[in-house]
Amino acid sequence: MELQTSTAWSRKDLLGIEELSVGEITTILDTSAAFKQVGVREIKKVPALRGKTLVNFFVEPSTRTRTSFELAAFRLSADVVNISTSTSSLTKGETLKDTAKNLEALHADIIVLRHSSAGAPKFLADRLQASVINAGDGAHEHPTQALLDAFTIREKKGRIEGLHVAIIGDILFSRVARSNIHALTKLGARVTLVGPSTLVPRTFEKLGVAVTHDIDSIIADVDVVNLLRIQHERQRKEYFPSLGEYTALFGLTKQRAENLKPDALIMHPGPINRGVEIDSDVADSGRSVILDQVTNGLAVRMAVLYLCAGVEK
């Protein structure tokens, strides 16, 4: 497999979607399509990052994202080290900067960082020669999730421009929602945010999206439904009376799913709270591309690692 780092990509870091051009986003998606072919081969490895070392530095819990980056690095023949807060010197009072500087002194080439503080990946990127990939920073951004969502939509629908995408749920505290808004609007989709007014304030309209608090008013018109879970771990108070009421007003129940277009896609970044934001049968239905998102996440993260590592530092 012969790949060249595209001239449309010149960043050593991936910190967010907001700063990317349409050309840069498209370069990642096109490179991801090439890497997805690796996953169907008998030998699922390429030597693109042989000799490189990736550190998965996750200060917040993760299953899909951390495992996906680890597998992506293995597929690219890189060496991988996993570090969590409980096993790092952060528990002894060491600063994030000093921890990262020590990792770089050990010749880490790429640091994949998930952190509870918005801006933590940029803080490190400005101070390190190593590539820094944002795997989620607080309620700010989760760029690779948005990229894999966009990749999945483009793969299934053949395009993104002109599609109507509804993002439903806890928008206020969701880094996934913010990254998706930036990616989808830049690629020409029409985006509607749906949820209770406490979690979907109209201030989001300034990002070029529509806001509604009535899911039934738009459900029959959308081409893609992307459901988000309630981010209880980031909330400091109650934003709606009960989960039962939330499901009744905003959940994708079997009855609501019947009103979707026959070819509408149902998406969820995970983890799914079955019976809350989505009915279990709907999550497992033929229109659900939730597991396709997971599969595509591997290809997208391979592309991101390859592109960022290939930039001259």
C-alpha atoms as a PDB file:
ATOM      1  CA  MET A   1       0.000   0.000   0.000  1.00  0.00           C
ATOM      2  CA  GLU A   2       1.601   3.243  -1.186  1.00  0.00           C
ATOM      3  CA  LEU A   3       0.469   6.477   0.462  1.00  0.00           C
ATOM      4  CA  GLN A   4       1.894   9.953   0.314  1.00  0.00           C
ATOM      5  CA  THR A   5       1.146  12.672   2.872  1.00  0.00           C
ATOM      6  CA  SER A   6      -1.190  15.049   1.058  1.00  0.00           C
ATOM      7  CA  THR A   7      -0.049  18.581   0.309  1.00  0.00           C
ATOM      8  CA  ALA A   8      -3.463  19.629   1.655  1.00  0.00           C
ATOM      9  CA  TRP A   9      -2.292  18.578   5.126  1.00  0.00           C
ATOM     10  CA  SER A  10       0.519  20.435   6.907  1.00  0.00           C
ATOM     11  CA  ARG A  11      -0.421  20.184  10.613  1.00  0.00           C
ATOM     12  CA  LYS A  12       1.584  18.165  13.134  1.00  0.00           C
ATOM     13  CA  ASP A  13      -1.421  18.179  15.488  1.00  0.00           C
ATOM     14  CA  LEU A  14      -5.171  17.564  15.339  1.00  0.00           C
ATOM     15  CA  LEU A  15      -6.711  19.758  18.024  1.00  0.00           C
ATOM     16  CA  GLY A  16     -10.208  20.430  16.713  1.00  0.00           C
ATOM     17  CA  ILE A  17     -12.450  20.628  13.679  1.00  0.00           C
ATOM     18  CA  GLU A  18     -13.183  24.343  14.037  1.00  0.00           C
ATOM     19  CA  GLU A  19      -9.701  25.278  12.801  1.00  0.00           C
ATOM     20  CA  LEU A  20      -9.700  22.918   9.799  1.00  0.00           C
ATOM     21  CA  SER A  21     -10.507  23.902   6.231  1.00  0.00           C
ATOM     22  CA  VAL A  22     -12.872  21.924   4.017  1.00  0.00           C
ATOM     23  CA  GLY A  23      -9.819  20.724   2.096  1.00  0.00           C
ATOM     24  CA  GLU A  24      -8.144  19.427   5.248  1.00  0.00           C
ATOM     25  CA  ILE A  25     -11.290  17.604   6.369  1.00  0.00           C
ATOM     26  CA  THR A  26     -11.683  16.066   2.930  1.00  0.00           C
ATOM     27  CA  THR A  27      -8.033  14.975   2.940  1.00  0.00           C
ATOM     28  CA  ILE A  28      -8.601  13.079   6.203  1.00  0.00           C
ATOM     29  CA  LEU A  29     -11.783  11.447   4.868  1.00  0.00           C
ATOM     30  CA  ASP A  30     -10.127  10.423   1.597  1.00  0.00           C
ATOM     31  CA  THR A  31      -7.074   9.031   3.430  1.00  0.00           C
ATOM     32  CA  SER A  32      -9.423   7.158   5.782  1.00  0.00           C
ATOM     33  CA  ALA A  33     -11.094   5.483   2.801  1.00  0.00           C
ATOM     34  CA  ALA A  34      -7.697   4.182   1.661  1.00  0.00           C
ATOM     35  CA  PHE A  35      -6.856   2.875   5.139  1.00  0.00           C
ATOM     36  CA  LYS A  36     -10.235   1.172   5.517  1.00  0.00           C
ATOM     37  CA  GLN A  37      -9.149  -1.221   2.787  1.00  0.00           C
ATOM     38  CA  VAL A  38      -6.356  -2.429   5.071  1.00  0.00           C
ATOM     39  CA  GLY A  39      -8.953  -3.797   7.484  1.00  0.00           C
ATOM     40  CA  VAL A  40     -10.341  -6.235   4.931  1.00  0.00           C
ATOM     41  CA  ARG A  41      -6.961  -7.687   3.952  1.00  0.00           C
ATOM     42  CA  GLU A  42      -5.599 -10.929   5.355  1.00  0.00           C
ATOM     43  CA  ILE A  43      -2.601  -9.039   6.739  1.00  0.00           C
ATOM     44  CA  LYS A  44      -4.058  -5.970   8.416  1.00  0.00           C
ATOM     45  CA  LYS A  45      -0.830  -4.024   8.932  1.00  0.00           C
ATOM     46  CA  VAL A  46       1.163  -1.493   6.960  1.00  0.00           C
ATOM     47  CA  PRO A  47       4.628  -0.159   7.877  1.00  0.00           C
ATOM     48  CA  ALA A  48       3.653   3.533   7.616  1.00  0.00           C
ATOM     49  CA  LEU A  49       4.641   4.391  11.229  1.00  0.00           C
ATOM     50  CA  ARG A  50       7.285   1.747  11.845  1.00  0.00           C
ATOM     51  CA  GLY A  51       9.788   3.094  14.370  1.00  0.00           C
ATOM     52  CA  LYS A  52       7.339   5.676  15.753  1.00  0.00           C
ATOM     53  CA  THR A  53       6.057   5.615  19.343  1.00  0.00           C
ATOM     54  CA  LEU A  54       2.513   6.613  20.274  1.00  0.00           C
ATOM     55  CA  VAL A  55       1.453   7.370  23.846  1.00  0.00           C
ATOM     56  CA  ASN A  56      -2.233   7.033  24.665  1.00  0.00           C
ATOM     57  CA  PHE A  57      -2.575   9.499  27.566  1.00  0.00           C
ATOM     58  CA  PHE A  58      -6.150   9.284  28.871  1.00  0.00           C
ATOM     59  CA  VAL A  59      -6.930  11.395  31.925  1.00  0.00           C
ATOM     60  CA  GLU A  60     -10.655  10.598  31.469  1.00  0.00           C
ATOM     61  CA  PRO A  61     -12.163   7.111  31.041  1.00  0.00           C
ATOM     62  CA  SER A  62     -12.582   5.689  27.538  1.00  0.00           C
ATOM     63  CA  THR A  63     -13.199   2.351  25.868  1.00  0.00           C
ATOM     64  CA  ARG A  64     -13.895   2.931  22.166  1.00  0.00           C
ATOM     65  CA  THR A  65     -11.587   5.893  21.545  1.00  0.00           C
ATOM     66  CA  ARG A  66      -8.564   4.579  23.457  1.00  0.00           C
ATOM     67  CA  THR A  67      -8.862   1.087  21.970  1.00  0.00           C
ATOM     68  CA  SER A  68      -9.415   2.514  18.500  1.00  0.00           C
ATOM     69  CA  PHE A  69      -6.273   4.664  18.666  1.00  0.00           C
ATOM     70  CA  GLU A  70      -4.281   1.731  20.037  1.00  0.00           C
ATOM     71  CA  LEU A  71      -5.416  -0.585  17.245  1.00  0.00           C
ATOM     72  CA  ALA A  72      -4.851   2.163  14.656  1.00  0.00           C
ATOM     73  CA  ALA A  73      -1.263   2.565  15.823  1.00  0.00           C
ATOM     74  CA  PHE A  74      -0.685  -1.201  15.766  1.00  0.00           C
ATOM     75  CA  ARG A  75      -2.089  -1.403  12.228  1.00  0.00           C
ATOM     76  CA  LEU A  76       0.424   1.293  11.232  1.00  0.00           C
ATOM     77  CA  SER A  77       3.263  -0.703  12.897  1.00  0.00           C
ATOM     78  CA  ALA A  78       3.905   1.916  15.618  1.00  0.00           C
ATOM     79  CA  ASP A  79       4.861   1.086  19.200  1.00  0.00           C
ATOM     80  CA  VAL A  80       2.152   1.949  21.750  1.00  0.00           C
ATOM     81  CA  VAL A  81       2.224   2.900  25.429  1.00  0.00           C
ATOM     82  CA  ASN A  82      -1.010   3.394  27.379  1.00  0.00           C
ATOM     83  CA  ILE A  83      -1.088   5.763  30.356  1.00  0.00           C
ATOM     84  CA  SER A  84      -4.035   6.656  32.593  1.00  0.00           C
ATOM     85  CA  THR A  85      -4.269   9.140  35.444  1.00  0.00           C
ATOM     86  CA  SER A  86      -4.093   6.406  38.081  1.00  0.00           C
ATOM     87  CA  THR A  87      -0.810   5.069  36.673  1.00  0.00           C
ATOM     88  CA  SER A  88       0.836   8.438  35.987  1.00  0.00           C
ATOM     89  CA  SER A  89       2.703  10.906  38.180  1.00  0.00           C
ATOM     90  CA  LEU A  90      -0.274  13.279  37.951  1.00  0.00           C
ATOM     91  CA  THR A  91      -1.467  11.518  41.100  1.00  0.00           C
ATOM     92  CA  LYS A  92       1.726  12.732  42.813  1.00  0.00           C
ATOM     93  CA  GLY A  93       1.173  16.349  41.852  1.00  0.00           C
ATOM     94  CA  GLU A  94       3.175  16.478  38.627  1.00  0.00           C
ATOM     95  CA  THR A  95       1.836  18.982  36.120  1.00  0.00           C
ATOM     96  CA  LEU A  96       0.435  17.933  32.757  1.00  0.00           C
ATOM     97  CA  LYS A  97       3.216  19.861  31.028  1.00  0.00           C
ATOM     98  CA  ASP A  98       5.980  18.111  32.990  1.00  0.00           C
ATOM     99  CA  THR A  99       4.433  14.694  32.397  1.00  0.00           C
ATOM    100  CA  ALA A 100       4.257  15.369  28.658  1.00  0.00           C
ATOM    101  CA  LYS A 101       7.791  16.795  28.536  1.00  0.00           C
ATOM    102  CA  ASN A 102       9.063  13.623  30.190  1.00  0.00           C
ATOM    103  CA  LEU A 103       7.238  11.511  27.623  1.00  0.00           C
ATOM    104  CA  GLU A 104       8.811  13.555  24.841  1.00  0.00           C
ATOM    105  CA  ALA A 105      12.244  13.103  26.463  1.00  0.00           C
ATOM    106  CA  LEU A 106      11.611   9.375  26.090  1.00  0.00           C
ATOM    107  CA  HIS A 107      11.179  10.022  22.347  1.00  0.00           C
ATOM    108  CA  ALA A 108       7.403   9.763  22.125  1.00  0.00           C
ATOM    109  CA  ASP A 109       6.456  10.859  18.609  1.00  0.00           C
ATOM    110  CA  ILE A 110       2.679  11.149  19.037  1.00  0.00           C
ATOM    111  CA  ILE A 111       0.659  11.872  22.170  1.00  0.00           C
ATOM    112  CA  VAL A 112      -3.070  11.138  22.049  1.00  0.00           C
ATOM    113  CA  LEU A 113      -4.617  13.105  24.900  1.00  0.00           C
ATOM    114  CA  ARG A 114      -8.045  12.913  26.502  1.00  0.00           C
ATOM    115  CA  HIS A 115      -8.475  15.455  29.266  1.00  0.00           C
ATOM    116  CA  SER A 116     -11.309  16.943  31.319  1.00  0.00           C
ATOM    117  CA  SER A 117     -10.057  20.502  30.722  1.00  0.00           C
ATOM    118  CA  ALA A 118     -10.937  22.252  27.477  1.00  0.00           C
ATOM    119  CA  GLY A 119      -7.783  23.417  25.721  1.00  0.00           C
ATOM    120  CA  ALA A 120      -5.420  20.883  27.318  1.00  0.00           C
ATOM    121  CA  PRO A 121      -4.339  19.383  23.944  1.00  0.00           C
ATOM    122  CA  LYS A 122      -3.526  22.835  22.525  1.00  0.00           C
ATOM    123  CA  PHE A 123      -1.611  23.684  25.698  1.00  0.00           C
ATOM    124  CA  LEU A 124       0.633  20.673  25.082  1.00  0.00           C
ATOM    125  CA  ALA A 125       0.841  21.120  21.314  1.00  0.00           C
ATOM    126  CA  ASP A 126       2.211  24.629  21.774  1.00  0.00           C
ATOM    127  CA  ARG A 127       4.993  23.284  23.995  1.00  0.00           C
ATOM    128  CA  LEU A 128       5.964  19.966  22.392  1.00  0.00           C
ATOM    129  CA  GLN A 129       7.693  18.896  19.205  1.00  0.00           C
ATOM    130  CA  ALA A 130       5.692  15.660  19.321  1.00  0.00           C
ATOM    131  CA  SER A 131       2.368  15.487  17.496  1.00  0.00           C
ATOM    132  CA  VAL A 132      -0.643  15.949  19.782  1.00  0.00           C
ATOM    133  CA  ILE A 133      -4.023  14.446  18.899  1.00  0.00           C
ATOM    134  CA  ASN A 134      -7.110  15.587  20.775  1.00  0.00           C
ATOM    135  CA  ALA A 135      -9.119  12.559  21.894  1.00  0.00           C
ATOM    136  CA  GLY A 136     -11.654  14.759  23.694  1.00  0.00           C
ATOM    137  CA  ASP A 137     -11.087  17.804  25.890  1.00  0.00           C
ATOM    138  CA  GLY A 138     -13.829  18.625  28.357  1.00  0.00           C
ATOM    139  CA  ALA A 139     -16.968  19.883  26.622  1.00  0.00           C
ATOM    140  CA  HIS A 140     -14.881  21.519  23.875  1.00  0.00           C
ATOM    141  CA  GLU A 141     -14.163  19.149  20.957  1.00  0.00           C
ATOM    142  CA  HIS A 142     -13.763  15.501  19.970  1.00  0.00           C
ATOM    143  CA  PRO A 143     -12.426  15.835  16.417  1.00  0.00           C
ATOM    144  CA  THR A 144     -11.898  12.195  15.461  1.00  0.00           C
ATOM    145  CA  GLN A 145     -15.466  11.330  16.485  1.00  0.00           C
ATOM    146  CA  ALA A 146     -16.825  14.014  14.158  1.00  0.00           C
ATOM    147  CA  LEU A 147     -14.532  12.816  11.378  1.00  0.00           C
ATOM    148  CA  LEU A 148     -15.675   9.211  11.702  1.00  0.00           C
ATOM    149  CA  ASP A 149     -19.300  10.373  11.788  1.00  0.00           C
ATOM    150  CA  ALA A 150     -18.766  12.407   8.611  1.00  0.00           C
ATOM    151  CA  PHE A 151     -16.943   9.472   7.009  1.00  0.00           C
ATOM    152  CA  THR A 152     -19.838   7.130   7.843  1.00  0.00           C
ATOM    153  CA  ILE A 153     -22.443   9.521   6.436  1.00  0.00           C
ATOM    154  CA  ARG A 154     -20.445  10.034   3.237  1.00  0.00           C
ATOM    155  CA  GLU A 155     -19.888   6.289   2.885  1.00  0.00           C
ATOM    156  CA  LYS A 156     -23.555   5.397   3.341  1.00  0.00           C
ATOM    157  CA  LYS A 157     -25.135   8.355   1.547  1.00  0.00           C
ATOM    158  CA  GLY A 158     -22.492   9.119  -1.038  1.00  0.00           C
ATOM    159  CA  ARG A 159     -22.398  12.781   0.006  1.00  0.00           C
ATOM    160  CA  ILE A 160     -22.809  15.155   2.928  1.00  0.00           C
ATOM    161  CA  GLU A 161     -23.675  18.374   1.150  1.00  0.00           C
ATOM    162  CA  GLY A 162     -27.408  19.050   1.173  1.00  0.00           C
ATOM    163  CA  LEU A 163     -28.296  16.402   3.763  1.00  0.00           C
ATOM    164  CA  HIS A 164     -30.401  17.303   6.795  1.00  0.00           C
ATOM    165  CA  VAL A 165     -28.746  16.017   9.981  1.00  0.00           C
ATOM    166  CA  ALA A 166     -30.431  16.154  13.388  1.00  0.00           C
ATOM    167  CA  ILE A 167     -28.213  16.021  16.475  1.00  0.00           C
ATOM    168  CA  ILE A 168     -30.424  15.127  19.413  1.00  0.00           C
ATOM    169  CA  GLY A 169     -29.670  15.232  23.125  1.00  0.00           C
ATOM    170  CA  ASP A 170     -27.287  16.972  25.478  1.00  0.00           C
ATOM    171  CA  ILE A 171     -25.706  19.550  23.188  1.00  0.00           C
ATOM    172  CA  LEU A 172     -24.625  21.959  25.928  1.00  0.00           C
ATOM    173  CA  PHE A 173     -22.097  19.579  27.497  1.00  0.00           C
ATOM    174  CA  SER A 174     -21.192  17.561  24.398  1.00  0.00           C
ATOM    175  CA  ARG A 175     -17.786  17.856  22.736  1.00  0.00           C
ATOM    176  CA  VAL A 176     -19.049  15.435  20.082  1.00  0.00           C
ATOM    177  CA  ALA A 177     -21.864  17.827  19.161  1.00  0.00           C
ATOM    178  CA  ARG A 178     -19.522  20.789  18.784  1.00  0.00           C
ATOM    179  CA  SER A 179     -17.092  18.932  16.545  1.00  0.00           C
ATOM    180  CA  ASN A 180     -19.963  17.526  14.467  1.00  0.00           C
ATOM    181  CA  ILE A 181     -21.492  20.972  14.040  1.00  0.00           C
ATOM    182  CA  HIS A 182     -18.200  22.342  12.703  1.00  0.00           C
ATOM    183  CA  ALA A 183     -17.585  19.360  10.396  1.00  0.00           C
ATOM    184  CA  LEU A 184     -21.069  18.994   8.975  1.00  0.00           C
ATOM    185  CA  THR A 185     -21.733  22.677   8.355  1.00  0.00           C
ATOM    186  CA  LYS A 186     -18.355  23.075   6.640  1.00  0.00           C
ATOM    187  CA  LEU A 187     -19.166  20.114   4.402  1.00  0.00           C
ATOM    188  CA  GLY A 188     -22.518  21.593   3.415  1.00  0.00           C
ATOM    189  CA  ALA A 189     -25.048  19.744   5.562  1.00  0.00           C
ATOM    190  CA  ARG A 190     -28.088  21.396   7.130  1.00  0.00           C
ATOM    191  CA  VAL A 191     -27.916  20.749  10.875  1.00  0.00           C
ATOM    192  CA  THR A 192     -30.746  20.931  13.413  1.00  0.00           C
ATOM    193  CA  LEU A 193     -30.078  20.601  17.140  1.00  0.00           C
ATOM    194  CA  VAL A 194     -32.853  19.013  19.206  1.00  0.00           C
ATOM    195  CA  GLY A 195     -33.366  18.714  22.961  1.00  0.00           C
ATOM    196  CA  PRO A 196     -34.703  20.451  26.030  1.00  0.00           C
ATOM    197  CA  SER A 197     -34.152  24.209  26.112  1.00  0.00           C
ATOM    198  CA  THR A 198     -31.875  23.803  29.134  1.00  0.00           C
ATOM    199  CA  LEU A 199     -29.492  21.596  27.114  1.00  0.00           C
ATOM    200  CA  VAL A 200     -29.976  23.139  23.673  1.00  0.00           C
ATOM    201  CA  PRO A 201     -29.956  26.923  24.137  1.00  0.00           C
ATOM    202  CA  ARG A 202     -30.603  29.088  21.090  1.00  0.00           C
ATOM    203  CA  THR A 203     -27.119  30.562  21.391  1.00  0.00           C
ATOM    204  CA  PHE A 204     -25.983  27.604  19.254  1.00  0.00           C
ATOM    205  CA  GLU A 205     -27.739  29.213  16.287  1.00  0.00           C
ATOM    206  CA  LYS A 206     -24.741  31.511  15.871  1.00  0.00           C
ATOM    207  CA  LEU A 207     -22.799  28.427  14.679  1.00  0.00           C
ATOM    208  CA  GLY A 208     -25.028  28.237  11.612  1.00  0.00           C
ATOM    209  CA  VAL A 209     -27.450  25.571  12.809  1.00  0.00           C
ATOM    210  CA  ALA A 210     -31.176  25.477  13.563  1.00  0.00           C
ATOM    211  CA  VAL A 211     -32.478  24.773  17.062  1.00  0.00           C
ATOM    212  CA  THR A 212     -35.782  23.155  17.985  1.00  0.00           C
ATOM    213  CA  HIS A 213     -37.221  21.759  21.193  1.00  0.00           C
ATOM    214  CA  ASP A 214     -39.820  19.655  19.374  1.00  0.00           C
ATOM    215  CA  ILE A 215     -38.363  16.457  17.939  1.00  0.00           C
ATOM    216  CA  ASP A 216     -41.613  15.472  16.242  1.00  0.00           C
ATOM    217  CA  SER A 217     -41.581  18.651  14.132  1.00  0.00           C
ATOM    218  CA  ILE A 218     -38.449  17.556  12.231  1.00  0.00           C
ATOM    219  CA  ILE A 219     -38.204  13.763  12.556  1.00  0.00           C
ATOM    220  CA  ALA A 220     -39.832  13.019   9.185  1.00  0.00           C
ATOM    221  CA  ASP A 221     -37.566  15.436   7.309  1.00  0.00           C
ATOM    222  CA  VAL A 222     -34.093  14.345   8.422  1.00  0.00           C
ATOM    223  CA  ASP A 223     -31.642  12.161   6.508  1.00  0.00           C
ATOM    224  CA  VAL A 224     -29.470  11.391   9.537  1.00  0.00           C
ATOM    225  CA  VAL A 225     -30.266  11.195  13.252  1.00  0.00           C
ATOM    226  CA  ASN A 226     -27.259  11.418  15.558  1.00  0.00           C
ATOM    227  CA  LEU A 227     -28.262  10.718  19.154  1.00  0.00           C
ATOM    228  CA  LEU A 228     -26.203  11.806  22.143  1.00  0.00           C
ATOM    229  CA  ARG A 229     -26.333  10.548  25.696  1.00  0.00           C
ATOM    230  CA  ILE A 230     -26.897  12.807  28.689  1.00  0.00           C
ATOM    231  CA  GLN A 231     -23.491  13.930  30.010  1.00  0.00           C
ATOM    232  CA  HIS A 232     -24.272  13.445  33.721  1.00  0.00           C
ATOM    233  CA  GLU A 233     -20.571  13.536  34.644  1.00  0.00           C
ATOM    234  CA  ARG A 234     -20.232  17.135  33.392  1.00  0.00           C
ATOM    235  CA  GLN A 235     -23.479  18.500  34.805  1.00  0.00           C
ATOM    236  CA  ARG A 236     -23.632  20.239  38.148  1.00  0.00           C
ATOM    237  CA  LYS A 237     -27.425  20.382  38.436  1.00  0.00           C
ATOM    238  CA  GLU A 238     -30.544  18.772  37.006  1.00  0.00           C
ATOM    239  CA  TYR A 239     -31.445  20.016  33.520  1.00  0.00           C
ATOM    240  CA  PHE A 240     -34.738  18.098  33.149  1.00  0.00           C
ATOM    241  CA  PRO A 241     -37.187  16.492  35.631  1.00  0.00           C
ATOM    242  CA  SER A 242     -36.511  12.796  34.937  1.00  0.00           C
ATOM    243  CA  LEU A 243     -35.070  10.322  32.447  1.00  0.00           C
ATOM    244  CA  GLY A 244     -38.588   9.051  31.775  1.00  0.00           C
ATOM    245  CA  GLU A 245     -39.750  12.494  30.758  1.00  0.00           C
ATOM    246  CA  TYR A 246     -36.660  13.008  28.621  1.00  0.00           C
ATOM    247  CA  THR A 247     -37.355   9.747  26.761  1.00  0.00           C
ATOM    248  CA  ALA A 248     -41.005  10.670  26.243  1.00  0.00           C
ATOM    249  CA  LEU A 249     -40.118  14.069  24.784  1.00  0.00           C
ATOM    250  CA  PHE A 250     -36.816  13.453  22.991  1.00  0.00           C
ATOM    251  CA  GLY A 251     -36.041   9.727  22.835  1.00  0.00           C
ATOM    252  CA  LEU A 252     -35.958   7.864  19.519  1.00  0.00           C
ATOM    253  CA  THR A 253     -38.702   5.399  20.433  1.00  0.00           C
ATOM    254  CA  LYS A 254     -40.033   2.715  18.092  1.00  0.00           C
ATOM    255  CA  GLN A 255     -43.035   4.915  17.342  1.00  0.00           C
ATOM    256  CA  ARG A 256     -40.869   7.909  16.415  1.00  0.00           C
ATOM    257  CA  ALA A 257     -38.523   5.765  14.345  1.00  0.00           C
ATOM    258  CA  GLU A 258     -41.496   4.753  12.178  1.00  0.00           C
ATOM    259  CA  ASN A 259     -41.780   8.398  11.112  1.00  0.00           C
ATOM    260  CA  LEU A 260     -38.215   8.538   9.789  1.00  0.00           C
ATOM    261  CA  LYS A 261     -37.467   8.365   6.082  1.00  0.00           C
ATOM    262  CA  PRO A 262     -36.957   4.724   5.017  1.00  0.00           C
ATOM    263  CA  ASP A 263     -33.299   5.432   4.189  1.00  0.00           C
ATOM    264  CA  ALA A 264     -32.532   7.651   7.199  1.00  0.00           C
ATOM    265  CA  LEU A 265     -29.372   6.753   9.117  1.00  0.00           C
ATOM    266  CA  ILE A 266     -29.421   6.283  12.890  1.00  0.00           C
ATOM    267  CA  MET A 267     -26.130   7.139  14.611  1.00  0.00           C
ATOM    268  CA  HIS A 268     -24.768   7.258  18.160  1.00  0.00           C
ATOM    269  CA  PRO A 269     -21.178   7.892  19.333  1.00  0.00           C
ATOM    270  CA  GLY A 270     -21.608   5.584  22.344  1.00  0.00           C
ATOM    271  CA  PRO A 271     -21.867   4.579  25.029  1.00  0.00           C
ATOM    272  CA  ILE A 272     -25.573   4.011  24.424  1.00  0.00           C
ATOM    273  CA  ASN A 273     -28.099   4.380  27.229  1.00  0.00           C
ATOM    274  CA  ARG A 274     -30.661   1.961  25.848  1.00  0.00           C
ATOM    275  CA  GLY A 275     -34.225   2.913  26.655  1.00  0.00           C
ATOM    276  CA  VAL A 276     -33.267   6.545  27.317  1.00  0.00           C
ATOM    277  CA  GLU A 277     -32.116   8.367  24.178  1.00  0.00           C
ATOM    278  CA  ILE A 278     -32.838   5.379  21.922  1.00  0.00           C
ATOM    279  CA  ASP A 279     -35.011   2.299  22.059  1.00  0.00           C
ATOM    280  CA  SER A 280     -32.995  -0.917  22.123  1.00  0.00           C
ATOM    281  CA  ASP A 281     -34.734  -2.377  19.059  1.00  0.00           C
ATOM    282  CA  VAL A 282     -34.114   0.838  17.110  1.00  0.00           C
ATOM    283  CA  ALA A 283     -30.426   0.789  18.061  1.00  0.00           C
ATOM    284  CA  ASP A 284     -30.153  -2.730  16.639  1.00  0.00           C
ATOM    285  CA  SER A 285     -32.279  -2.105  13.536  1.00  0.00           C
ATOM    286  CA  GLY A 286     -31.121  -2.221   9.932  1.00  0.00           C
ATOM    287  CA  ARG A 287     -31.007   1.574   9.692  1.00  0.00           C
ATOM    288  CA  SER A 288     -28.582   1.805  12.600  1.00  0.00           C
ATOM    289  CA  VAL A 289     -24.960   2.448  11.586  1.00  0.00           C
ATOM    290  CA  ILE A 290     -23.655   2.581  15.151  1.00  0.00           C
ATOM    291  CA  LEU A 291     -21.265  -0.348  14.726  1.00  0.00           C
ATOM    292  CA  ASP A 292     -20.203   0.982  11.326  1.00  0.00           C
ATOM    293  CA  GLN A 293     -19.136   4.144  13.148  1.00  0.00           C
ATOM    294  CA  VAL A 294     -16.887   2.068  15.400  1.00  0.00           C
ATOM    295  CA  THR A 295     -15.337   0.263  12.429  1.00  0.00           C
ATOM    296  CA  ASN A 296     -14.830   3.518  10.540  1.00  0.00           C
ATOM    297  CA  GLY A 297     -13.271   5.112  13.608  1.00  0.00           C
ATOM    298  CA  LEU A 298     -10.304   2.779  13.215  1.00  0.00           C
ATOM    299  CA  ALA A 299      -9.701   3.879   9.621  1.00  0.00           C
ATOM    300  CA  VAL A 300     -10.131   7.561  10.486  1.00  0.00           C
ATOM    301  CA  ARG A 301      -7.666   7.372  13.378  1.00  0.00           C
ATOM    302  CA  MET A 302      -5.154   5.548  11.201  1.00  0.00           C
ATOM    303  CA  ALA A 303      -5.463   8.422   8.721  1.00  0.00           C
ATOM    304  CA  VAL A 304      -5.054  11.096  11.412  1.00  0.00           C
ATOM    305  CA  LEU A 305      -1.976   9.421  12.919  1.00  0.00           C
ATOM    306  CA  TYR A 306      -0.434   8.920   9.489  1.00  0.00           C
ATOM    307  CA  LEU A 307      -1.035  12.510   8.354  1.00  0.00           C
ATOM    308  CA  CYS A 308       0.130  14.193  11.560  1.00  0.00           C
ATOM    309  CA  ALA A 309       3.189  11.976  11.991  1.00  0.00           C
ATOM    310  CA  GLY A 310       4.204  12.629   8.389  1.00  0.00           C
ATOM    311  CA  VAL A 311       4.527  16.399   8.841  1.00  0.00           C
ATOM    312  CA  GLU A 312       8.095  17.674   9.192  1.00  0.00           C
ATOM    313  CA  LYS A 313       8.473  18.850  12.800  1.00  0.00           C
END
